[in-house]
Protein backbone atom coordinates (compact mmCIF):
# COMPACT_ATOMS: atom_id res chain seq x y z
CA MET A 1 53.69 12.91 -2.51
CA LYS A 2 56.55 14.28 -0.40
CA ASN A 3 58.16 10.83 -0.46
CA LEU A 4 57.95 10.73 -4.25
CA THR A 5 59.60 14.12 -4.49
CA ARG A 6 62.35 12.97 -2.13
CA SER A 7 63.02 9.84 -4.23
CA SER A 8 63.30 11.94 -7.39
CA ALA A 9 65.75 14.26 -5.67
CA LEU A 10 67.84 11.29 -4.56
CA ALA A 11 67.96 9.95 -8.13
CA LEU A 12 69.03 13.35 -9.41
CA LEU A 13 71.67 13.55 -6.69
CA ALA A 14 73.01 10.13 -7.74
CA THR A 15 73.35 11.33 -11.34
CA LEU A 16 75.18 14.52 -10.32
CA ALA A 17 77.48 12.54 -8.03
CA ALA A 18 78.54 10.07 -10.74
CA PRO A 19 81.80 11.90 -11.59
CA ALA A 20 82.87 11.86 -7.95
CA MET A 21 82.07 8.18 -7.65
CA ALA A 22 84.36 7.48 -10.57
CA GLN A 23 87.25 7.99 -8.18
CA THR A 24 85.99 5.22 -5.89
CA SER A 25 86.14 1.54 -6.57
CA GLU A 26 83.65 0.05 -9.00
CA ALA A 27 82.17 -2.23 -6.31
CA GLY A 28 81.60 0.70 -3.93
CA GLN A 29 79.83 2.68 -6.62
CA GLU A 30 77.53 -0.24 -7.38
CA ALA A 31 76.65 -0.74 -3.70
CA TRP A 32 75.92 2.93 -3.25
CA ILE A 33 73.57 3.02 -6.29
CA GLN A 34 71.68 -0.07 -5.13
CA ALA A 35 71.19 1.46 -1.69
CA GLN A 36 69.70 4.62 -3.21
CA GLN A 37 67.37 2.59 -5.40
CA ARG A 38 66.12 0.60 -2.39
CA LYS A 39 65.42 3.84 -0.51
CA ALA A 40 63.48 5.23 -3.51
CA ALA A 41 61.41 2.00 -3.81
CA GLN A 42 60.59 2.05 -0.09
CA ALA A 43 59.52 5.68 -0.32
CA MET A 44 57.20 4.93 -3.26
CA ARG A 45 55.58 1.96 -1.46
CA ALA A 46 55.03 4.06 1.67
CA SER A 47 53.45 6.85 -0.37
CA ALA A 48 51.14 4.42 -2.21
CA GLY A 49 50.05 2.75 1.05
CA SER A 50 49.28 6.11 2.65
CA ALA A 51 47.10 7.11 -0.30
CA ALA A 52 45.20 3.78 -0.13
CA VAL A 53 44.24 4.12 3.53
CA THR A 54 43.33 7.79 3.41
CA PRO A 55 39.55 7.78 3.92
CA ALA A 56 37.35 9.55 1.42
CA PRO A 57 35.44 12.48 2.87
CA ALA A 58 32.19 11.18 4.34
CA ILE A 59 28.96 12.39 2.84
CA GLU A 60 27.06 13.95 5.69
CA GLN A 61 23.50 12.70 5.85
CA ASP A 62 20.68 15.18 5.92
CA LYS A 63 19.42 14.41 9.40
CA SER A 64 16.69 17.07 9.09
CA ALA A 65 14.85 14.76 6.68
CA TRP A 66 13.98 12.52 9.65
CA MET A 67 12.76 15.32 11.86
CA PRO A 68 9.10 16.52 11.93
CA ASP A 69 8.76 19.96 10.38
CA LEU A 70 5.83 21.31 12.49
CA GLY A 71 4.82 23.17 9.35
CA LYS A 72 1.03 23.26 9.77
CA LEU A 73 -0.80 26.19 11.33
CA THR A 74 -1.50 26.05 15.06
CA ALA A 75 -4.74 24.19 15.87
CA THR A 76 -5.10 22.75 12.34
CA GLY A 77 -4.22 19.30 13.68
CA GLY A 78 -7.30 19.48 15.87
CA VAL A 79 -7.37 17.74 19.23
CA ILE A 80 -7.98 14.05 19.94
CA GLN A 81 -11.59 13.01 20.30
CA VAL A 82 -12.74 10.51 22.87
CA GLU A 83 -12.21 7.52 20.54
CA GLY A 84 -8.66 8.46 19.58
CA ALA A 85 -9.09 10.16 16.19
CA GLY A 86 -8.04 13.71 15.36
CA GLY A 87 -10.97 16.12 15.54
CA GLY A 88 -13.06 17.65 18.30
CA GLY A 89 -13.99 16.08 21.60
CA LEU A 90 -16.88 13.90 20.42
CA THR A 91 -16.48 13.56 16.68
CA PRO A 92 -13.62 13.04 14.18
CA TRP A 93 -12.72 15.72 11.62
CA ALA A 94 -11.19 15.38 8.15
CA LEU A 95 -8.01 17.03 9.46
CA ILE A 96 -5.00 14.76 9.98
CA THR A 97 -3.57 14.81 13.49
CA GLY A 98 -0.15 16.31 14.26
CA TYR A 99 1.67 19.25 12.67
CA GLY A 100 3.63 17.47 9.96
CA THR A 101 3.10 18.75 6.39
CA ARG A 102 2.83 16.61 3.24
CA ASP A 103 6.61 16.05 3.36
CA SER A 104 6.77 15.11 7.05
CA TYR A 105 4.88 13.51 9.92
CA GLY A 106 3.47 14.31 13.35
CA ALA A 107 2.42 12.36 16.43
CA ASN A 108 0.85 12.90 19.84
CA ALA A 109 -0.27 11.25 23.03
CA HIS A 110 -3.48 12.15 24.84
CA TYR A 111 -5.34 11.60 28.08
CA THR A 112 -9.04 12.40 28.48
CA TYR A 113 -11.14 12.46 31.64
CA LEU A 114 -14.94 12.74 31.49
CA SER A 115 -17.06 12.75 34.63
CA THR A 116 -20.87 12.85 34.99
CA GLN A 117 -23.15 12.38 38.01
CA ASP A 118 -22.96 8.58 37.93
CA TYR A 119 -20.10 7.63 35.61
CA THR A 120 -16.47 8.30 34.75
CA LEU A 121 -14.85 7.73 31.38
CA LYS A 122 -11.08 7.73 30.86
CA SER A 123 -9.48 7.55 27.44
CA TYR A 124 -5.81 7.56 26.55
CA GLY A 125 -3.68 6.64 23.57
CA VAL A 126 -1.43 7.75 20.73
CA ALA A 127 -1.97 8.94 17.16
CA VAL A 128 0.35 9.48 14.19
CA GLY A 129 -0.17 11.61 11.08
CA LEU A 130 1.86 10.68 7.97
CA MET A 131 2.49 13.18 5.13
CA ASP A 132 -0.73 15.02 6.09
CA ARG A 133 -2.52 12.19 4.31
CA VAL A 134 -2.88 9.16 6.63
CA GLU A 135 -3.69 9.01 10.34
CA LEU A 136 -3.23 5.97 12.58
CA SER A 137 -4.49 5.87 16.16
CA LEU A 138 -4.63 3.56 19.14
CA ALA A 139 -6.83 4.29 22.16
CA LYS A 140 -8.14 2.60 25.28
CA GLN A 141 -11.36 3.54 27.07
CA GLU A 142 -12.14 2.78 30.71
CA PHE A 143 -15.69 3.29 31.95
CA TYR A 144 -16.58 3.28 35.67
CA GLY A 145 -19.79 3.54 37.68
CA SER A 146 -19.99 5.57 40.88
CA LEU A 147 -23.54 5.04 42.14
CA ALA A 148 -25.48 1.92 43.18
CA PRO A 149 -26.37 -0.47 41.68
CA LEU A 150 -23.46 0.21 39.29
CA ALA A 151 -20.96 1.56 41.82
CA ASP A 152 -18.43 -1.19 41.06
CA LEU A 153 -18.97 -1.24 37.31
CA LYS A 154 -15.89 -1.29 35.08
CA ILE A 155 -15.87 -1.70 31.29
CA THR A 156 -12.82 -1.36 29.05
CA GLN A 157 -12.58 -1.09 25.29
CA ASP A 158 -9.68 -1.02 22.80
CA ILE A 159 -9.92 1.06 19.61
CA VAL A 160 -7.64 1.02 16.56
CA GLY A 161 -8.30 3.77 14.04
CA ILE A 162 -7.27 4.73 10.53
CA LYS A 163 -8.14 7.84 8.53
CA VAL A 164 -7.18 8.76 4.94
CA LYS A 165 -7.53 12.20 3.35
CA LEU A 166 -9.32 11.94 0.01
CA ALA A 167 -9.46 15.46 -1.43
CA GLY A 168 -9.29 19.15 -0.65
CA ASP A 169 -7.15 21.04 1.80
CA ALA A 170 -8.68 22.88 4.73
CA VAL A 171 -5.94 25.54 4.77
CA TYR A 172 -4.90 26.10 1.16
CA ASP A 173 -8.32 25.83 -0.53
CA GLN A 174 -9.56 29.18 0.76
CA ASP A 175 -10.68 30.21 -2.73
CA ARG A 176 -12.79 27.05 -3.20
CA TRP A 177 -15.93 25.77 -1.52
CA LEU A 178 -14.63 22.19 -1.60
CA PRO A 179 -13.96 21.08 2.01
CA GLN A 180 -11.23 18.70 3.05
CA LEU A 181 -12.63 15.17 2.82
CA ALA A 182 -11.44 12.06 4.67
CA VAL A 183 -12.69 8.54 5.27
CA GLY A 184 -11.94 6.52 8.37
CA ALA A 185 -12.63 3.37 10.31
CA MET A 186 -12.52 2.51 14.01
CA PHE A 187 -11.97 -1.12 14.96
CA LYS A 188 -13.41 -1.61 18.46
CA HIS A 189 -13.22 -4.51 20.89
CA ASN A 190 -15.09 -4.55 24.19
CA ASN A 191 -13.15 -6.43 26.87
CA GLY A 192 -16.14 -7.34 29.03
CA ILE A 193 -17.82 -6.14 32.19
CA GLY A 194 -16.49 -6.16 35.74
CA GLY A 195 -18.20 -5.41 39.04
CA LEU A 196 -21.65 -6.77 38.17
CA GLY A 197 -21.37 -10.28 39.59
CA ARG A 198 -22.48 -12.85 37.07
CA VAL A 199 -22.89 -10.24 34.33
CA THR A 200 -19.49 -10.33 32.65
CA SER A 201 -20.31 -9.72 28.97
CA VAL A 202 -22.19 -7.02 27.07
CA LYS A 203 -24.08 -9.82 25.36
CA GLN A 204 -25.82 -10.49 28.68
CA LEU A 205 -27.25 -6.95 28.45
CA GLY A 206 -28.69 -7.68 25.02
CA ALA A 207 -25.81 -6.70 22.71
CA ALA A 208 -25.35 -8.82 19.59
CA SER A 209 -21.54 -8.67 19.67
CA ASN A 210 -18.62 -7.48 21.78
CA ALA A 211 -16.69 -6.17 18.73
CA GLY A 212 -17.51 -3.94 15.80
CA ILE A 213 -16.28 -1.43 13.25
CA ASP A 214 -17.42 2.17 12.78
CA TYR A 215 -17.00 3.68 9.29
CA TYR A 216 -17.14 7.42 8.70
CA LEU A 217 -16.80 10.18 6.11
CA SER A 218 -15.81 13.64 7.37
CA ALA A 219 -15.89 17.01 5.61
CA THR A 220 -14.06 19.94 7.22
CA LYS A 221 -14.08 23.53 5.96
CA LEU A 222 -11.76 26.11 7.49
CA LEU A 223 -12.63 29.78 6.81
CA LEU A 224 -9.48 31.62 7.82
CA ALA A 225 -10.86 35.10 7.11
CA GLN A 226 -13.77 34.42 9.47
CA SER A 227 -11.68 32.39 11.99
CA LEU A 228 -14.27 29.64 11.67
CA LEU A 229 -14.10 25.84 11.32
CA LEU A 230 -17.10 23.78 10.25
CA ASN A 231 -17.25 19.97 10.22
CA SER A 232 -19.79 17.35 9.28
CA THR A 233 -19.29 13.60 9.76
CA LEU A 234 -21.47 10.74 8.58
CA ARG A 235 -20.88 7.56 10.58
CA LEU A 236 -22.08 4.03 9.89
CA THR A 237 -22.24 2.24 13.21
CA LYS A 238 -23.77 -0.51 15.34
CA ALA A 239 -22.07 0.70 18.53
CA ASN A 240 -24.02 1.14 21.76
CA GLN A 241 -22.58 4.05 23.79
CA MET A 242 -19.55 4.11 21.45
CA GLY A 243 -19.19 0.33 21.95
CA LEU A 244 -18.96 0.39 25.74
CA LEU A 245 -22.24 -1.55 25.81
CA GLY A 246 -21.40 -3.67 22.78
CA PHE A 247 -22.61 -3.61 19.18
CA GLY A 248 -26.09 -4.22 17.85
CA GLY A 249 -28.80 -5.47 20.14
CA ASP A 250 -32.21 -6.92 20.80
CA LEU A 251 -33.92 -3.93 19.14
CA ASN A 252 -31.68 -3.56 16.11
CA ASP A 253 -28.59 -5.27 14.69
CA ARG A 254 -27.78 -3.43 11.48
CA TYR A 255 -25.63 -0.50 10.47
CA GLN A 256 -27.27 2.89 10.78
CA ALA A 257 -26.09 6.27 9.44
CA MET A 258 -25.57 8.81 12.20
CA GLY A 259 -24.78 12.50 11.67
CA GLU A 260 -22.17 14.37 13.71
CA PHE A 261 -21.56 18.14 13.53
CA SER A 262 -18.96 20.58 14.86
CA ALA A 263 -18.35 24.32 14.71
CA ALA A 264 -15.39 26.15 16.24
CA TYR A 265 -14.46 29.82 16.35
CA MET A 266 -10.83 30.88 16.80
CA ILE A 267 -10.89 33.64 19.39
CA ASN A 268 -7.20 34.16 18.72
CA ARG A 269 -4.31 31.99 17.56
CA LYS A 270 -4.28 30.02 20.80
CA LEU A 271 -7.95 29.79 21.85
CA ALA A 272 -10.88 28.10 20.12
CA LEU A 273 -14.50 28.03 21.29
CA GLY A 274 -16.85 25.46 19.82
CA VAL A 275 -19.88 23.17 19.99
CA GLU A 276 -20.55 19.60 18.84
CA TYR A 277 -23.57 17.38 18.32
CA ARG A 278 -23.48 13.61 17.77
CA MET A 279 -26.45 11.41 16.90
CA LYS A 280 -26.63 7.92 18.44
CA PRO A 281 -28.41 4.66 17.52
CA ARG A 282 -30.83 2.91 19.85
CA ASN A 283 -30.22 -0.83 19.72
CA LEU A 284 -30.76 -2.05 23.30
CA ALA A 285 -33.95 -2.34 25.35
CA ALA A 286 -31.75 -1.91 28.44
CA ASP A 287 -30.29 1.39 27.19
CA HIS A 288 -32.47 4.31 26.12
CA GLU A 289 -29.50 5.87 24.37
CA LYS A 290 -29.62 9.61 23.65
CA ASP A 291 -27.60 11.89 21.40
CA TYR A 292 -24.40 13.52 22.72
CA TYR A 293 -23.54 17.22 22.64
CA ASP A 294 -20.94 19.51 24.17
CA ALA A 295 -19.54 23.04 24.31
CA PHE A 296 -15.76 23.27 24.50
CA LEU A 297 -12.85 25.65 24.92
CA ALA A 298 -9.53 24.49 23.44
CA TRP A 299 -6.22 26.14 24.35
CA PHE A 300 -3.08 25.74 22.22
CA PRO A 301 -0.15 27.33 24.11
CA SER A 302 2.21 25.80 21.55
CA LYS A 303 2.23 23.20 18.77
CA ASN A 304 3.51 20.68 21.33
CA LEU A 305 0.69 21.02 23.84
CA SER A 306 -3.07 21.53 23.93
CA MET A 307 -5.84 21.35 26.52
CA THR A 308 -9.59 21.06 25.97
CA LEU A 309 -12.21 21.79 28.60
CA ALA A 310 -15.86 21.06 27.84
CA TYR A 311 -19.34 20.80 29.26
CA VAL A 312 -20.80 17.56 27.90
CA ALA A 313 -24.21 15.88 27.90
CA LEU A 314 -24.42 12.13 27.22
CA GLY A 315 -28.12 11.49 27.84
CA ASP A 316 -29.28 8.26 29.50
CA ILE A 317 -26.82 5.41 30.03
CA THR A 318 -28.70 2.15 30.83
CA VAL A 319 -32.07 1.86 32.54
CA TYR A 320 -30.34 1.15 35.87
CA ASN A 321 -29.44 4.84 36.35
CA PRO A 322 -32.14 6.61 34.30
CA LYS A 323 -30.73 10.13 34.49
CA ARG A 324 -29.53 12.55 31.87
CA GLN A 325 -25.79 12.34 32.35
CA ARG A 326 -24.06 15.73 32.24
CA GLY A 327 -20.57 16.68 33.34
CA VAL A 328 -17.11 17.96 32.59
CA TYR A 329 -14.69 16.82 29.90
CA LEU A 330 -10.97 17.52 30.20
CA SER A 331 -8.42 16.40 27.62
CA LEU A 332 -4.63 16.93 27.52
CA GLN A 333 -2.55 16.34 24.41
CA ALA A 334 1.21 16.50 23.86
CA GLY A 335 3.02 15.94 20.60
CA PHE A 336 4.46 17.51 17.45
């Protein structure tokens, strides 16, 4: 723009100087005018080029749209149960894992250690909650023996889970009796048996298959005024000891409906005390499987970290160590 103004001034100056140029030769006047015109043309081209390369102001992207909002109440994402789903220690809840609201997402990683007199179970994995509607999880279980004749026993299992919220909202539906409802599935694959010599597959113990799917429907009701959470889950399953001893067996090879129940009381905003009970099928002659139950204390120092400590009873696990297995359950979870 300044260059355009300068060229206009030069043209005006040439007009005002015309009487003076009359005293010079006609050729000199013509040369002088042409020189001024060239300068004005150059100035206009330079101004136009500068305007063309001037970048338009960039539209700043809303980076916050890609960040998790951590908008849910503390503890309403639950913890991660032993098979990788959001819930309690033993059973899934209808709550979606993580602290992302319906406009965001959340995720976490967990590690669980369970030890009884004769066995150790380790579980670890990740879970993601999307828009407080869908949950995806991936977990691995490692099961070890510690007493003869199963001292060298090792069984591993991979679990992929999905959960979808159907109706209700555990937090916002305080004026309704309708609980939050969710359906889910756990795709399980047993990777075989180690440490038992020639016994390398769960099928050799009587299981019908080394892979299976658990289907479940969970209903969770949160009573904020009473600081109380209640959950009921109905599971269709063929799994023996969660699938660690395979699926189906010599006694039964069909889906059975098993009930699972949880209750938790919020002592304060960071501590929850609860109990769980989980029914189990009995498919194998080699495994007089019993129901599971536990009593737990969950601590939520922040929305990024939680710890669960529990006393757990798993009943009998195989006829080779016919004891009621009881022990300690410790789970750590980190996420957002």
